[in-house]
Amino acid sequence: DVSAARRGPALCGPDEAQAVRRHLAAL
């Protein structure tokens, strides 16, 4: 996660990554 609101990059947890996983499954 490198969102502008963050103070620095951080690894996403499972819940944060769920939407992206759905997009990859659709692809």
mmCIF file of all heavy atoms, coordinates in Angstrom:
data_MODEL
# 
_entry.id   MODEL 
# 
loop_
_atom_site.group_PDB 
_atom_site.id 
_atom_site.type_symbol 
_atom_site.label_atom_id 
_atom_site.label_alt_id 
_atom_site.label_comp_id 
_atom_site.label_asym_id 
_atom_site.label_entity_id 
_atom_site.label_seq_id 
_atom_site.pdbx_PDB_ins_code 
_atom_site.Cartn_x 
_atom_site.Cartn_y 
_atom_site.Cartn_z 
_atom_site.occupancy 
_atom_site.B_iso_or_equiv 
_atom_site.pdbx_formal_charge 
_atom_site.auth_seq_id 
_atom_site.auth_comp_id 
_atom_site.auth_asym_id 
_atom_site.auth_atom_id 
_atom_site.pdbx_PDB_model_num 
ATOM 1   N N   . ASP A 1 1  ? 0.847   -1.190  0.000   1.00 0.00 ? 1  ASP A N   1 
ATOM 2   C CA  . ASP A 1 1  ? 0.000   0.000   0.000   1.00 0.00 ? 1  ASP A CA  1 
ATOM 3   C C   . ASP A 1 1  ? 0.884   1.243   0.000   1.00 0.00 ? 1  ASP A C   1 
ATOM 4   O O   . ASP A 1 1  ? 1.671   1.465   0.929   1.00 0.00 ? 1  ASP A O   1 
ATOM 5   C CB  . ASP A 1 1  ? -0.900  -0.008  1.239   1.00 0.00 ? 1  ASP A CB  1 
ATOM 6   C CG  . ASP A 1 1  ? -1.942  1.104   1.208   1.00 0.00 ? 1  ASP A CG  1 
ATOM 7   O OD1 . ASP A 1 1  ? -1.861  1.988   0.326   1.00 0.00 ? 1  ASP A OD1 1 
ATOM 8   O OD2 . ASP A 1 1  ? -2.849  1.089   2.064   1.00 0.00 ? 1  ASP A OD2 1 
ATOM 9   N N   . VAL A 1 2  ? 0.756   2.042   -1.070  1.00 0.00 ? 2  VAL A N   1 
ATOM 10  C CA  . VAL A 1 2  ? 1.543   3.269   -1.192  1.00 0.00 ? 2  VAL A CA  1 
ATOM 11  C C   . VAL A 1 2  ? 0.626   4.479   -1.344  1.00 0.00 ? 2  VAL A C   1 
ATOM 12  O O   . VAL A 1 2  ? 0.965   5.461   -1.995  1.00 0.00 ? 2  VAL A O   1 
ATOM 13  C CB  . VAL A 1 2  ? 2.548   3.176   -2.370  1.00 0.00 ? 2  VAL A CB  1 
ATOM 14  C CG1 . VAL A 1 2  ? 3.576   2.100   -2.115  1.00 0.00 ? 2  VAL A CG1 1 
ATOM 15  C CG2 . VAL A 1 2  ? 1.817   2.921   -3.687  1.00 0.00 ? 2  VAL A CG2 1 
ATOM 16  N N   . SER A 1 3  ? -0.548  4.419   -0.745  1.00 0.00 ? 3  SER A N   1 
ATOM 17  C CA  . SER A 1 3  ? -1.502  5.525   -0.827  1.00 0.00 ? 3  SER A CA  1 
ATOM 18  C C   . SER A 1 3  ? -0.873  6.814   -0.294  1.00 0.00 ? 3  SER A C   1 
ATOM 19  O O   . SER A 1 3  ? -0.067  6.790   0.645   1.00 0.00 ? 3  SER A O   1 
ATOM 20  C CB  . SER A 1 3  ? -2.761  5.204   -0.027  1.00 0.00 ? 3  SER A CB  1 
ATOM 21  O OG  . SER A 1 3  ? -3.406  4.047   -0.536  1.00 0.00 ? 3  SER A OG  1 
ATOM 22  N N   . ALA A 1 4  ? -1.258  7.933   -0.907  1.00 0.00 ? 4  ALA A N   1 
ATOM 23  C CA  . ALA A 1 4  ? -0.655  9.213   -0.560  1.00 0.00 ? 4  ALA A CA  1 
ATOM 24  C C   . ALA A 1 4  ? -0.863  9.587   0.904   1.00 0.00 ? 4  ALA A C   1 
ATOM 25  O O   . ALA A 1 4  ? -0.039  10.285  1.502   1.00 0.00 ? 4  ALA A O   1 
ATOM 26  C CB  . ALA A 1 4  ? -1.219  10.305  -1.463  1.00 0.00 ? 4  ALA A CB  1 
ATOM 27  N N   . ALA A 1 5  ? -1.949  9.113   1.500   1.00 0.00 ? 5  ALA A N   1 
ATOM 28  C CA  . ALA A 1 5  ? -2.239  9.462   2.889   1.00 0.00 ? 5  ALA A CA  1 
ATOM 29  C C   . ALA A 1 5  ? -1.329  8.743   3.881   1.00 0.00 ? 5  ALA A C   1 
ATOM 30  O O   . ALA A 1 5  ? -1.275  9.122   5.059   1.00 0.00 ? 5  ALA A O   1 
ATOM 31  C CB  . ALA A 1 5  ? -3.700  9.150   3.217   1.00 0.00 ? 5  ALA A CB  1 
ATOM 32  N N   . ARG A 1 6  ? -0.623  7.732   3.426   1.00 0.00 ? 6  ARG A N   1 
ATOM 33  C CA  . ARG A 1 6  ? 0.259   6.977   4.323   1.00 0.00 ? 6  ARG A CA  1 
ATOM 34  C C   . ARG A 1 6  ? 1.550   7.742   4.552   1.00 0.00 ? 6  ARG A C   1 
ATOM 35  O O   . ARG A 1 6  ? 2.017   8.499   3.694   1.00 0.00 ? 6  ARG A O   1 
ATOM 36  C CB  . ARG A 1 6  ? 0.575   5.605   3.742   1.00 0.00 ? 6  ARG A CB  1 
ATOM 37  C CG  . ARG A 1 6  ? -0.622  4.683   3.550   1.00 0.00 ? 6  ARG A CG  1 
ATOM 38  C CD  . ARG A 1 6  ? -0.131  3.257   3.300   1.00 0.00 ? 6  ARG A CD  1 
ATOM 39  N NE  . ARG A 1 6  ? 0.616   2.770   4.442   1.00 0.00 ? 6  ARG A NE  1 
ATOM 40  C CZ  . ARG A 1 6  ? 0.077   2.159   5.504   1.00 0.00 ? 6  ARG A CZ  1 
ATOM 41  N NH1 . ARG A 1 6  ? -1.231  1.945   5.550   1.00 0.00 ? 6  ARG A NH1 1 
ATOM 42  N NH2 . ARG A 1 6  ? 0.824   1.760   6.495   1.00 0.00 ? 6  ARG A NH2 1 
ATOM 43  N N   . ARG A 1 7  ? 2.183   7.499   5.690   1.00 0.00 ? 7  ARG A N   1 
ATOM 44  C CA  . ARG A 1 7  ? 3.481   8.111   5.984   1.00 0.00 ? 7  ARG A CA  1 
ATOM 45  C C   . ARG A 1 7  ? 4.598   7.371   5.262   1.00 0.00 ? 7  ARG A C   1 
ATOM 46  O O   . ARG A 1 7  ? 5.687   7.903   5.079   1.00 0.00 ? 7  ARG A O   1 
ATOM 47  C CB  . ARG A 1 7  ? 3.730   8.117   7.480   1.00 0.00 ? 7  ARG A CB  1 
ATOM 48  C CG  . ARG A 1 7  ? 2.642   8.825   8.268   1.00 0.00 ? 7  ARG A CG  1 
ATOM 49  C CD  . ARG A 1 7  ? 2.900   8.830   9.759   1.00 0.00 ? 7  ARG A CD  1 
ATOM 50  N NE  . ARG A 1 7  ? 3.944   9.777   10.139  1.00 0.00 ? 7  ARG A NE  1 
ATOM 51  C CZ  . ARG A 1 7  ? 4.315   10.005  11.390  1.00 0.00 ? 7  ARG A CZ  1 
ATOM 52  N NH1 . ARG A 1 7  ? 3.730   9.326   12.377  1.00 0.00 ? 7  ARG A NH1 1 
ATOM 53  N NH2 . ARG A 1 7  ? 5.254   10.880  11.670  1.00 0.00 ? 7  ARG A NH2 1 
ATOM 54  N N   . GLY A 1 8  ? 4.315   6.132   4.875   1.00 0.00 ? 8  GLY A N   1 
ATOM 55  C CA  . GLY A 1 8  ? 5.294   5.325   4.158   1.00 0.00 ? 8  GLY A CA  1 
ATOM 56  C C   . GLY A 1 8  ? 4.648   4.042   3.684   1.00 0.00 ? 8  GLY A C   1 
ATOM 57  O O   . GLY A 1 8  ? 3.540   3.689   4.125   1.00 0.00 ? 8  GLY A O   1 
ATOM 58  N N   . PRO A 1 9  ? 5.276   3.317   2.756   1.00 0.00 ? 9  PRO A N   1 
ATOM 59  C CA  . PRO A 1 9  ? 4.684   2.082   2.231   1.00 0.00 ? 9  PRO A CA  1 
ATOM 60  C C   . PRO A 1 9  ? 4.593   1.000   3.292   1.00 0.00 ? 9  PRO A C   1 
ATOM 61  O O   . PRO A 1 9  ? 5.419   0.921   4.201   1.00 0.00 ? 9  PRO A O   1 
ATOM 62  C CB  . PRO A 1 9  ? 5.641   1.687   1.102   1.00 0.00 ? 9  PRO A CB  1 
ATOM 63  C CG  . PRO A 1 9  ? 6.926   2.378   1.419   1.00 0.00 ? 9  PRO A CG  1 
ATOM 64  C CD  . PRO A 1 9  ? 6.577   3.633   2.130   1.00 0.00 ? 9  PRO A CD  1 
ATOM 65  N N   . ALA A 1 10 ? 3.565   0.143   3.152   1.00 0.00 ? 10 ALA A N   1 
ATOM 66  C CA  . ALA A 1 10 ? 3.368   -0.958  4.098   1.00 0.00 ? 10 ALA A CA  1 
ATOM 67  C C   . ALA A 1 10 ? 2.667   -2.100  3.379   1.00 0.00 ? 10 ALA A C   1 
ATOM 68  O O   . ALA A 1 10 ? 1.893   -1.879  2.442   1.00 0.00 ? 10 ALA A O   1 
ATOM 69  C CB  . ALA A 1 10 ? 2.543   -0.514  5.302   1.00 0.00 ? 10 ALA A CB  1 
ATOM 70  N N   . LEU A 1 11 ? 2.934   -3.321  3.803   1.00 0.00 ? 11 LEU A N   1 
ATOM 71  C CA  . LEU A 1 11 ? 2.263   -4.476  3.240   1.00 0.00 ? 11 LEU A CA  1 
ATOM 72  C C   . LEU A 1 11 ? 0.798   -4.496  3.655   1.00 0.00 ? 11 LEU A C   1 
ATOM 73  O O   . LEU A 1 11 ? 0.453   -4.179  4.801   1.00 0.00 ? 11 LEU A O   1 
ATOM 74  C CB  . LEU A 1 11 ? 2.945   -5.764  3.707   1.00 0.00 ? 11 LEU A CB  1 
ATOM 75  C CG  . LEU A 1 11 ? 4.332   -6.044  3.124   1.00 0.00 ? 11 LEU A CG  1 
ATOM 76  C CD1 . LEU A 1 11 ? 4.956   -7.255  3.800   1.00 0.00 ? 11 LEU A CD1 1 
ATOM 77  C CD2 . LEU A 1 11 ? 4.254   -6.264  1.619   1.00 0.00 ? 11 LEU A CD2 1 
ATOM 78  N N   . CYS A 1 12 ? -0.067  -4.851  2.714   1.00 0.00 ? 12 CYS A N   1 
ATOM 79  C CA  . CYS A 1 12 ? -1.499  -4.941  2.995   1.00 0.00 ? 12 CYS A CA  1 
ATOM 80  C C   . CYS A 1 12 ? -1.812  -6.216  3.769   1.00 0.00 ? 12 CYS A C   1 
ATOM 81  O O   . CYS A 1 12 ? -1.203  -7.267  3.535   1.00 0.00 ? 12 CYS A O   1 
ATOM 82  C CB  . CYS A 1 12 ? -2.299  -4.944  1.697   1.00 0.00 ? 12 CYS A CB  1 
ATOM 83  S SG  . CYS A 1 12 ? -2.259  -3.395  0.787   1.00 0.00 ? 12 CYS A SG  1 
ATOM 84  N N   . GLY A 1 13 ? -2.780  -6.127  4.652   1.00 0.00 ? 13 GLY A N   1 
ATOM 85  C CA  . GLY A 1 13 ? -3.283  -7.307  5.321   1.00 0.00 ? 13 GLY A CA  1 
ATOM 86  C C   . GLY A 1 13 ? -4.306  -8.018  4.456   1.00 0.00 ? 13 GLY A C   1 
ATOM 87  O O   . GLY A 1 13 ? -4.721  -7.513  3.406   1.00 0.00 ? 13 GLY A O   1 
ATOM 88  N N   . PRO A 1 14 ? -4.757  -9.209  4.853   1.00 0.00 ? 14 PRO A N   1 
ATOM 89  C CA  . PRO A 1 14 ? -5.710  -9.991  4.053   1.00 0.00 ? 14 PRO A CA  1 
ATOM 90  C C   . PRO A 1 14 ? -7.001  -9.240  3.753   1.00 0.00 ? 14 PRO A C   1 
ATOM 91  O O   . PRO A 1 14 ? -7.517  -9.312  2.641   1.00 0.00 ? 14 PRO A O   1 
ATOM 92  C CB  . PRO A 1 14 ? -5.960  -11.232 4.915   1.00 0.00 ? 14 PRO A CB  1 
ATOM 93  C CG  . PRO A 1 14 ? -4.770  -11.340 5.804   1.00 0.00 ? 14 PRO A CG  1 
ATOM 94  C CD  . PRO A 1 14 ? -4.324  -9.935  6.070   1.00 0.00 ? 14 PRO A CD  1 
ATOM 95  N N   . ASP A 1 15 ? -7.530  -8.519  4.743   1.00 0.00 ? 15 ASP A N   1 
ATOM 96  C CA  . ASP A 1 15 ? -8.786  -7.810  4.508   1.00 0.00 ? 15 ASP A CA  1 
ATOM 97  C C   . ASP A 1 15 ? -8.610  -6.688  3.492   1.00 0.00 ? 15 ASP A C   1 
ATOM 98  O O   . ASP A 1 15 ? -9.456  -6.483  2.610   1.00 0.00 ? 15 ASP A O   1 
ATOM 99  C CB  . ASP A 1 15 ? -9.330  -7.244  5.829   1.00 0.00 ? 15 ASP A CB  1 
ATOM 100 C CG  . ASP A 1 15 ? -9.758  -8.334  6.798   1.00 0.00 ? 15 ASP A CG  1 
ATOM 101 O OD1 . ASP A 1 15 ? -10.007 -9.459  6.325   1.00 0.00 ? 15 ASP A OD1 1 
ATOM 102 O OD2 . ASP A 1 15 ? -9.821  -8.064  8.003   1.00 0.00 ? 15 ASP A OD2 1 
ATOM 103 N N   . GLU A 1 16 ? -7.500  -5.945  3.598   1.00 0.00 ? 16 GLU A N   1 
ATOM 104 C CA  . GLU A 1 16 ? -7.238  -4.848  2.662   1.00 0.00 ? 16 GLU A CA  1 
ATOM 105 C C   . GLU A 1 16 ? -7.061  -5.359  1.236   1.00 0.00 ? 16 GLU A C   1 
ATOM 106 O O   . GLU A 1 16 ? -7.413  -4.685  0.273   1.00 0.00 ? 16 GLU A O   1 
ATOM 107 C CB  . GLU A 1 16 ? -5.980  -4.089  3.086   1.00 0.00 ? 16 GLU A CB  1 
ATOM 108 C CG  . GLU A 1 16 ? -6.048  -3.450  4.457   1.00 0.00 ? 16 GLU A CG  1 
ATOM 109 C CD  . GLU A 1 16 ? -4.702  -2.893  4.874   1.00 0.00 ? 16 GLU A CD  1 
ATOM 110 O OE1 . GLU A 1 16 ? -3.828  -3.682  5.279   1.00 0.00 ? 16 GLU A OE1 1 
ATOM 111 O OE2 . GLU A 1 16 ? -4.522  -1.670  4.772   1.00 0.00 ? 16 GLU A OE2 1 
ATOM 112 N N   . ALA A 1 17 ? -6.508  -6.567  1.116   1.00 0.00 ? 17 ALA A N   1 
ATOM 113 C CA  . ALA A 1 17 ? -6.197  -7.099  -0.209  1.00 0.00 ? 17 ALA A CA  1 
ATOM 114 C C   . ALA A 1 17 ? -7.382  -7.790  -0.881  1.00 0.00 ? 17 ALA A C   1 
ATOM 115 O O   . ALA A 1 17 ? -7.293  -8.156  -2.054  1.00 0.00 ? 17 ALA A O   1 
ATOM 116 C CB  . ALA A 1 17 ? -5.036  -8.100  -0.098  1.00 0.00 ? 17 ALA A CB  1 
ATOM 117 N N   . GLN A 1 18 ? -8.490  -7.947  -0.169  1.00 0.00 ? 18 GLN A N   1 
ATOM 118 C CA  . GLN A 1 18 ? -9.583  -8.761  -0.676  1.00 0.00 ? 18 GLN A CA  1 
ATOM 119 C C   . GLN A 1 18 ? -10.143 -8.232  -1.993  1.00 0.00 ? 18 GLN A C   1 
ATOM 120 O O   . GLN A 1 18 ? -10.428 -8.996  -2.925  1.00 0.00 ? 18 GLN A O   1 
ATOM 121 C CB  . GLN A 1 18 ? -10.699 -8.852  0.373   1.00 0.00 ? 18 GLN A CB  1 
ATOM 122 C CG  . GLN A 1 18 ? -11.744 -9.896  0.072   1.00 0.00 ? 18 GLN A CG  1 
ATOM 123 C CD  . GLN A 1 18 ? -11.152 -11.302 -0.035  1.00 0.00 ? 18 GLN A CD  1 
ATOM 124 O OE1 . GLN A 1 18 ? -10.279 -11.677 0.732   1.00 0.00 ? 18 GLN A OE1 1 
ATOM 125 N NE2 . GLN A 1 18 ? -11.617 -12.071 -1.016  1.00 0.00 ? 18 GLN A NE2 1 
ATOM 126 N N   . ALA A 1 19 ? -10.323 -6.913  -2.109  1.00 0.00 ? 19 ALA A N   1 
ATOM 127 C CA  . ALA A 1 19 ? -10.890 -6.349  -3.337  1.00 0.00 ? 19 ALA A CA  1 
ATOM 128 C C   . ALA A 1 19 ? -9.976  -6.615  -4.525  1.00 0.00 ? 19 ALA A C   1 
ATOM 129 O O   . ALA A 1 19 ? -10.445 -6.968  -5.622  1.00 0.00 ? 19 ALA A O   1 
ATOM 130 C CB  . ALA A 1 19 ? -11.121 -4.851  -3.173  1.00 0.00 ? 19 ALA A CB  1 
ATOM 131 N N   . VAL A 1 20 ? -8.675  -6.477  -4.325  1.00 0.00 ? 20 VAL A N   1 
ATOM 132 C CA  . VAL A 1 20 ? -7.735  -6.732  -5.416  1.00 0.00 ? 20 VAL A CA  1 
ATOM 133 C C   . VAL A 1 20 ? -7.786  -8.201  -5.814  1.00 0.00 ? 20 VAL A C   1 
ATOM 134 O O   . VAL A 1 20 ? -7.733  -8.535  -7.006  1.00 0.00 ? 20 VAL A O   1 
ATOM 135 C CB  . VAL A 1 20 ? -6.306  -6.320  -5.008  1.00 0.00 ? 20 VAL A CB  1 
ATOM 136 C CG1 . VAL A 1 20 ? -5.301  -6.701  -6.095  1.00 0.00 ? 20 VAL A CG1 1 
ATOM 137 C CG2 . VAL A 1 20 ? -6.244  -4.821  -4.734  1.00 0.00 ? 20 VAL A CG2 1 
ATOM 138 N N   . ARG A 1 21 ? -7.901  -9.089  -4.844  1.00 0.00 ? 21 ARG A N   1 
ATOM 139 C CA  . ARG A 1 21 ? -7.986  -10.519 -5.163  1.00 0.00 ? 21 ARG A CA  1 
ATOM 140 C C   . ARG A 1 21 ? -9.203  -10.798 -6.045  1.00 0.00 ? 21 ARG A C   1 
ATOM 141 O O   . ARG A 1 21 ? -9.145  -11.610 -6.972  1.00 0.00 ? 21 ARG A O   1 
ATOM 142 C CB  . ARG A 1 21 ? -8.080  -11.355 -3.884  1.00 0.00 ? 21 ARG A CB  1 
ATOM 143 C CG  . ARG A 1 21 ? -7.006  -11.125 -2.838  1.00 0.00 ? 21 ARG A CG  1 
ATOM 144 C CD  . ARG A 1 21 ? -5.626  -11.465 -3.321  1.00 0.00 ? 21 ARG A CD  1 
ATOM 145 N NE  . ARG A 1 21 ? -4.649  -11.324 -2.253  1.00 0.00 ? 21 ARG A NE  1 
ATOM 146 C CZ  . ARG A 1 21 ? -3.406  -10.926 -2.422  1.00 0.00 ? 21 ARG A CZ  1 
ATOM 147 N NH1 . ARG A 1 21 ? -2.972  -10.614 -3.642  1.00 0.00 ? 21 ARG A NH1 1 
ATOM 148 N NH2 . ARG A 1 21 ? -2.572  -10.826 -1.412  1.00 0.00 ? 21 ARG A NH2 1 
ATOM 149 N N   . ARG A 1 22 ? -10.316 -10.115 -5.773  1.00 0.00 ? 22 ARG A N   1 
ATOM 150 C CA  . ARG A 1 22 ? -11.509 -10.304 -6.597  1.00 0.00 ? 22 ARG A CA  1 
ATOM 151 C C   . ARG A 1 22 ? -11.271 -9.818  -8.023  1.00 0.00 ? 22 ARG A C   1 
ATOM 152 O O   . ARG A 1 22 ? -11.707 -10.463 -8.985  1.00 0.00 ? 22 ARG A O   1 
ATOM 153 C CB  . ARG A 1 22 ? -12.703 -9.567  -5.975  1.00 0.00 ? 22 ARG A CB  1 
ATOM 154 C CG  . ARG A 1 22 ? -13.251 -10.201 -4.705  1.00 0.00 ? 22 ARG A CG  1 
ATOM 155 C CD  . ARG A 1 22 ? -14.638 -9.665  -4.380  1.00 0.00 ? 22 ARG A CD  1 
ATOM 156 N NE  . ARG A 1 22 ? -14.607 -8.227  -4.129  1.00 0.00 ? 22 ARG A NE  1 
ATOM 157 C CZ  . ARG A 1 22 ? -14.425 -7.678  -2.919  1.00 0.00 ? 22 ARG A CZ  1 
ATOM 158 N NH1 . ARG A 1 22 ? -14.238 -8.460  -1.862  1.00 0.00 ? 22 ARG A NH1 1 
ATOM 159 N NH2 . ARG A 1 22 ? -14.433 -6.371  -2.775  1.00 0.00 ? 22 ARG A NH2 1 
ATOM 160 N N   . HIS A 1 23 ? -10.560 -8.703  -8.163  1.00 0.00 ? 23 HIS A N   1 
ATOM 161 C CA  . HIS A 1 23 ? -10.261 -8.193  -9.506  1.00 0.00 ? 23 HIS A CA  1 
ATOM 162 C C   . HIS A 1 23 ? -9.363  -9.168  -10.269 1.00 0.00 ? 23 HIS A C   1 
ATOM 163 O O   . HIS A 1 23 ? -9.565  -9.411  -11.464 1.00 0.00 ? 23 HIS A O   1 
ATOM 164 C CB  . HIS A 1 23 ? -9.583  -6.825  -9.401  1.00 0.00 ? 23 HIS A CB  1 
ATOM 165 C CG  . HIS A 1 23 ? -10.433 -5.790  -8.730  1.00 0.00 ? 23 HIS A CG  1 
ATOM 166 N ND1 . HIS A 1 23 ? -9.916  -4.636  -8.180  1.00 0.00 ? 23 HIS A ND1 1 
ATOM 167 C CD2 . HIS A 1 23 ? -11.778 -5.741  -8.497  1.00 0.00 ? 23 HIS A CD2 1 
ATOM 168 C CE1 . HIS A 1 23 ? -10.897 -3.917  -7.656  1.00 0.00 ? 23 HIS A CE1 1 
ATOM 169 N NE2 . HIS A 1 23 ? -12.027 -4.571  -7.835  1.00 0.00 ? 23 HIS A NE2 1 
ATOM 170 N N   . LEU A 1 24 ? -8.375  -9.733  -9.589  1.00 0.00 ? 24 LEU A N   1 
ATOM 171 C CA  . LEU A 1 24 ? -7.492  -10.698 -10.245 1.00 0.00 ? 24 LEU A CA  1 
ATOM 172 C C   . LEU A 1 24 ? -8.251  -11.965 -10.626 1.00 0.00 ? 24 LEU A C   1 
ATOM 173 O O   . LEU A 1 24 ? -7.993  -12.557 -11.678 1.00 0.00 ? 24 LEU A O   1 
ATOM 174 C CB  . LEU A 1 24 ? -6.306  -11.037 -9.333  1.00 0.00 ? 24 LEU A CB  1 
ATOM 175 C CG  . LEU A 1 24 ? -5.350  -9.883  -9.015  1.00 0.00 ? 24 LEU A CG  1 
ATOM 176 C CD1 . LEU A 1 24 ? -4.236  -10.360 -8.093  1.00 0.00 ? 24 LEU A CD1 1 
ATOM 177 C CD2 . LEU A 1 24 ? -4.770  -9.283  -10.285 1.00 0.00 ? 24 LEU A CD2 1 
ATOM 178 N N   . ALA A 1 25 ? -9.194  -12.375 -9.789  1.00 0.00 ? 25 ALA A N   1 
ATOM 179 C CA  . ALA A 1 25 ? -10.005 -13.547 -10.114 1.00 0.00 ? 25 ALA A CA  1 
ATOM 180 C C   . ALA A 1 25 ? -10.878 -13.276 -11.335 1.00 0.00 ? 25 ALA A C   1 
ATOM 181 O O   . ALA A 1 25 ? -11.064 -14.146 -12.197 1.00 0.00 ? 25 ALA A O   1 
ATOM 182 C CB  . ALA A 1 25 ? -10.874 -13.940 -8.912  1.00 0.00 ? 25 ALA A CB  1 
ATOM 183 N N   . ALA A 1 26 ? -11.409 -12.050 -11.437 1.00 0.00 ? 26 ALA A N   1 
ATOM 184 C CA  . ALA A 1 26 ? -12.209 -11.696 -12.613 1.00 0.00 ? 26 ALA A CA  1 
ATOM 185 C C   . ALA A 1 26 ? -11.356 -11.693 -13.869 1.00 0.00 ? 26 ALA A C   1 
ATOM 186 O O   . ALA A 1 26 ? -11.791 -12.153 -14.940 1.00 0.00 ? 26 ALA A O   1 
ATOM 187 C CB  . ALA A 1 26 ? -12.859 -10.329 -12.403 1.00 0.00 ? 26 ALA A CB  1 
ATOM 188 N N   . LEU A 1 27 ? -10.129 -11.198 -13.759 1.00 0.00 ? 27 LEU A N   1 
ATOM 189 C CA  . LEU A 1 27 ? -9.225  -11.197 -14.908 1.00 0.00 ? 27 LEU A CA  1 
ATOM 190 C C   . LEU A 1 27 ? -8.871  -12.626 -15.300 1.00 0.00 ? 27 LEU A C   1 
ATOM 191 O O   . LEU A 1 27 ? -8.802  -12.948 -16.498 1.00 0.00 ? 27 LEU A O   1 
ATOM 192 C CB  . LEU A 1 27 ? -7.961  -10.407 -14.571 1.00 0.00 ? 27 LEU A CB  1 
ATOM 193 C CG  . LEU A 1 27 ? -6.887  -10.348 -15.660 1.00 0.00 ? 27 LEU A CG  1 
ATOM 194 C CD1 . LEU A 1 27 ? -7.446  -9.747  -16.938 1.00 0.00 ? 27 LEU A CD1 1 
ATOM 195 C CD2 . LEU A 1 27 ? -5.685  -9.547  -15.171 1.00 0.00 ? 27 LEU A CD2 1 
# 
